[in-house]
C-alpha atoms as a PDB file:
ATOM      1  CA  MET A   1       0.429   3.399  -8.950  1.00  0.00           C
ATOM      2  CA  LYS A   2       3.097   6.745  -7.505  1.00  0.00           C
ATOM      3  CA  ALA A   3       3.229   4.147  -4.789  1.00  0.00           C
ATOM      4  CA  ALA A   4       4.068   1.416  -6.918  1.00  0.00           C
ATOM      5  CA  ALA A   5       6.501   2.901  -8.509  1.00  0.00           C
ATOM      6  CA  ARG A   6       7.757   3.918  -5.916  1.00  0.00           C
ATOM      7  CA  LEU A   7       8.587   0.476  -3.801  1.00  0.00           C
ATOM      8  CA  GLN A   8       9.234  -1.504  -6.749  1.00  0.00           C
ATOM      9  CA  LEU A   9      11.496   1.164  -7.505  1.00  0.00           C
ATOM     10  CA  ILE A  10      13.516   0.418  -4.006  1.00  0.00           C
ATOM     11  CA  LYS A  11      12.813  -2.995  -4.336  1.00  0.00           C
ATOM     12  CA  ASP A  12      15.063  -3.345  -7.659  1.00  0.00           C
ATOM     13  CA  GLU A  13      17.490  -0.882  -5.802  1.00  0.00           C
ATOM     14  CA  TRP A  14      16.918  -3.147  -2.728  1.00  0.00           C
ATOM     15  CA  GLU A  15      20.690  -3.693  -1.541  1.00  0.00           C
ATOM     16  CA  GLU A  16      21.774  -0.019  -2.951  1.00  0.00           C
ATOM     17  CA  SER A  17      19.104   1.802  -1.379  1.00  0.00           C
ATOM     18  CA  SER A  18      19.369   3.751   1.857  1.00  0.00           C
ATOM     19  CA  LEU A  19      17.293   3.337   5.445  1.00  0.00           C
ATOM     20  CA  ALA A  20      16.092   6.621   4.175  1.00  0.00           C
ATOM     21  CA  GLU A  21      15.581   6.085   0.399  1.00  0.00           C
ATOM     22  CA  LYS A  22      13.028   2.860   1.574  1.00  0.00           C
ATOM     23  CA  ASP A  23      12.213   4.169   4.876  1.00  0.00           C
ATOM     24  CA  GLU A  24      10.202   7.417   2.704  1.00  0.00           C
ATOM     25  CA  ALA A  25       8.889   4.665   0.590  1.00  0.00           C
ATOM     26  CA  LEU A  26       7.443   2.592   3.082  1.00  0.00           C
ATOM     27  CA  VAL A  27       5.723   6.175   4.444  1.00  0.00           C
ATOM     28  CA  TYR A  28       4.705   7.464   1.628  1.00  0.00           C
ATOM     29  CA  ASN A  29       2.857   3.940   1.215  1.00  0.00           C
ATOM     30  CA  ARG A  30       1.547   4.175   4.339  1.00  0.00           C
ATOM     31  CA  LYS A  31       0.113   8.129   4.263  1.00  0.00           C
ATOM     32  CA  LEU A  32      -1.130   6.624   1.229  1.00  0.00           C
ATOM     33  CA  TRP A  33      -3.214   3.796   2.354  1.00  0.00           C
ATOM     34  CA  THR A  34      -3.908   5.803   6.261  1.00  0.00           C
ATOM     35  CA  ILE A  35      -5.923   8.285   3.822  1.00  0.00           C
ATOM     36  CA  LEU A  36      -7.859   5.133   1.286  1.00  0.00           C
ATOM     37  CA  VAL A  37      -8.493   3.103   4.577  1.00  0.00           C
ATOM     38  CA  THR A  38     -10.031   6.398   5.966  1.00  0.00           C
ATOM     39  CA  SER A  39     -12.005   7.967   3.910  1.00  0.00           C
ATOM     40  CA  ALA A  40     -13.594   4.264   2.118  1.00  0.00           C
ATOM     41  CA  THR A  41     -14.792   3.260   6.287  1.00  0.00           C
ATOM     42  CA  GLY A  42     -15.472   6.724   7.880  1.00  0.00           C
ATOM     43  CA  GLU A  43     -19.667   7.212   8.288  1.00  0.00           C
ATOM     44  CA  ASP A  44     -19.674   9.573   5.242  1.00  0.00           C
ATOM     45  CA  SER A  45     -18.542   6.149   2.809  1.00  0.00           C
ATOM     46  CA  GLN A  46     -21.459   5.303   0.926  1.00  0.00           C
ATOM     47  CA  LEU A  47     -19.880   1.699   0.416  1.00  0.00           C
ATOM     48  CA  PRO A  48     -21.005  -1.049   1.063  1.00  0.00           C
ATOM     49  CA  GLN A  49     -20.167  -2.820   4.272  1.00  0.00           C
ATOM     50  CA  GLU A  50     -18.567  -5.761   2.752  1.00  0.00           C
ATOM     51  CA  ILE A  51     -15.686  -3.236   0.649  1.00  0.00           C
ATOM     52  CA  LYS A  52     -15.346  -1.597   3.858  1.00  0.00           C
ATOM     53  CA  ASN A  53     -14.745  -4.661   5.790  1.00  0.00           C
ATOM     54  CA  ASN A  54     -12.070  -5.718   3.074  1.00  0.00           C
ATOM     55  CA  ILE A  55     -10.486  -2.074   2.412  1.00  0.00           C
ATOM     56  CA  ALA A  56      -9.817  -2.353   6.358  1.00  0.00           C
ATOM     57  CA  THR A  57      -8.188  -6.130   5.476  1.00  0.00           C
ATOM     58  CA  LEU A  58      -6.449  -4.557   3.297  1.00  0.00           C
ATOM     59  CA  GLY A  59      -5.138  -2.228   5.301  1.00  0.00           C
ATOM     60  CA  VAL A  60      -4.127  -3.485   8.204  1.00  0.00           C
ATOM     61  CA  PHE A  61      -2.212  -6.275   6.115  1.00  0.00           C
ATOM     62  CA  ILE A  62      -0.015  -3.412   4.706  1.00  0.00           C
ATOM     63  CA  PHE A  63       0.767  -1.989   7.704  1.00  0.00           C
ATOM     64  CA  LYS A  64       2.088  -4.833   9.228  1.00  0.00           C
ATOM     65  CA  GLN A  65       3.292  -6.055   5.695  1.00  0.00           C
ATOM     66  CA  THR A  66       5.374  -2.312   6.119  1.00  0.00           C
ATOM     67  CA  ILE A  67       6.847  -3.018   9.915  1.00  0.00           C
ATOM     68  CA  THR A  68       7.745  -6.253   8.662  1.00  0.00           C
ATOM     69  CA  ILE A  69      10.032  -5.200   5.523  1.00  0.00           C
ATOM     70  CA  MET A  70      11.917  -2.779   8.173  1.00  0.00           C
ATOM     71  CA  THR A  71      12.610  -4.695  10.934  1.00  0.00           C
ATOM     72  CA  ASP A  72      13.301  -8.225   8.759  1.00  0.00           C
ATOM     73  CA  ASP A  73      15.520  -5.905   5.866  1.00  0.00           C
ATOM     74  CA  ASP A  74      13.573  -8.169   3.409  1.00  0.00           C
ATOM     75  CA  ALA A  75      12.931  -7.020  -0.278  1.00  0.00           C
ATOM     76  CA  ASN A  76      10.552  -9.901  -1.497  1.00  0.00           C
ATOM     77  CA  LYS A  77       8.398  -8.448   1.492  1.00  0.00           C
ATOM     78  CA  LEU A  78       6.744  -5.910  -1.241  1.00  0.00           C
ATOM     79  CA  THR A  79       5.562  -7.319  -3.998  1.00  0.00           C
ATOM     80  CA  SER A  80       1.986  -8.258  -2.002  1.00  0.00           C
ATOM     81  CA  ILE A  81       1.872  -4.614  -1.318  1.00  0.00           C
ATOM     82  CA  ILE A  82       2.781  -2.968  -4.170  1.00  0.00           C
ATOM     83  CA  GLY A  83       0.914  -6.096  -6.244  1.00  0.00           C
ATOM     84  CA  ILE A  84      -2.046  -4.631  -3.876  1.00  0.00           C
ATOM     85  CA  ASN A  85      -1.684  -0.877  -4.590  1.00  0.00           C
ATOM     86  CA  ARG A  86      -1.207  -1.708  -8.461  1.00  0.00           C
ATOM     87  CA  ALA A  87      -4.866  -3.629  -8.460  1.00  0.00           C
ATOM     88  CA  ILE A  88      -6.194  -1.347  -6.221  1.00  0.00           C
ATOM     89  CA  ALA A  89      -5.099   1.528  -8.402  1.00  0.00           C
ATOM     90  CA  GLU A  90      -6.493  -0.014 -11.836  1.00  0.00           C
ATOM     91  CA  GLY A  91      -9.821  -0.587 -10.070  1.00  0.00           C
ATOM     92  CA  LEU A  92      -9.960   3.353  -9.178  1.00  0.00           C
ATOM     93  CA  ARG A  93      -9.410   4.049 -12.722  1.00  0.00           C
ATOM     94  CA  ALA A  94     -11.836   1.375 -14.796  1.00  0.00           C
ATOM     95  CA  THR A  95     -14.952   2.857 -15.636  1.00  0.00           C
ATOM     96  CA  PRO A  96     -18.027   1.533 -14.776  1.00  0.00           C
ATOM     97  CA  GLU A  97     -20.372  -0.051 -17.956  1.00  0.00           C
END
């Protein structure tokens, strides 16, 4: 949720945000996703292969989208990353029934 909140703030204040602020938020998110993808898809992960594949695919999308945002200078492309981050965070916080 922290990464989503940081990205939302950057999106809301895109024109006022410096390149360093944008980069900081995107780097934080990329590091978070690197940890998530590495942990979820590693040999020690007990997740089903389908979930591993889905997380890996989401990670690739996040990494590509991050590069696109910085090269195109387009705040609207943050929307999908923010939504994915929030959905993943909510899923991780949910307690199984």
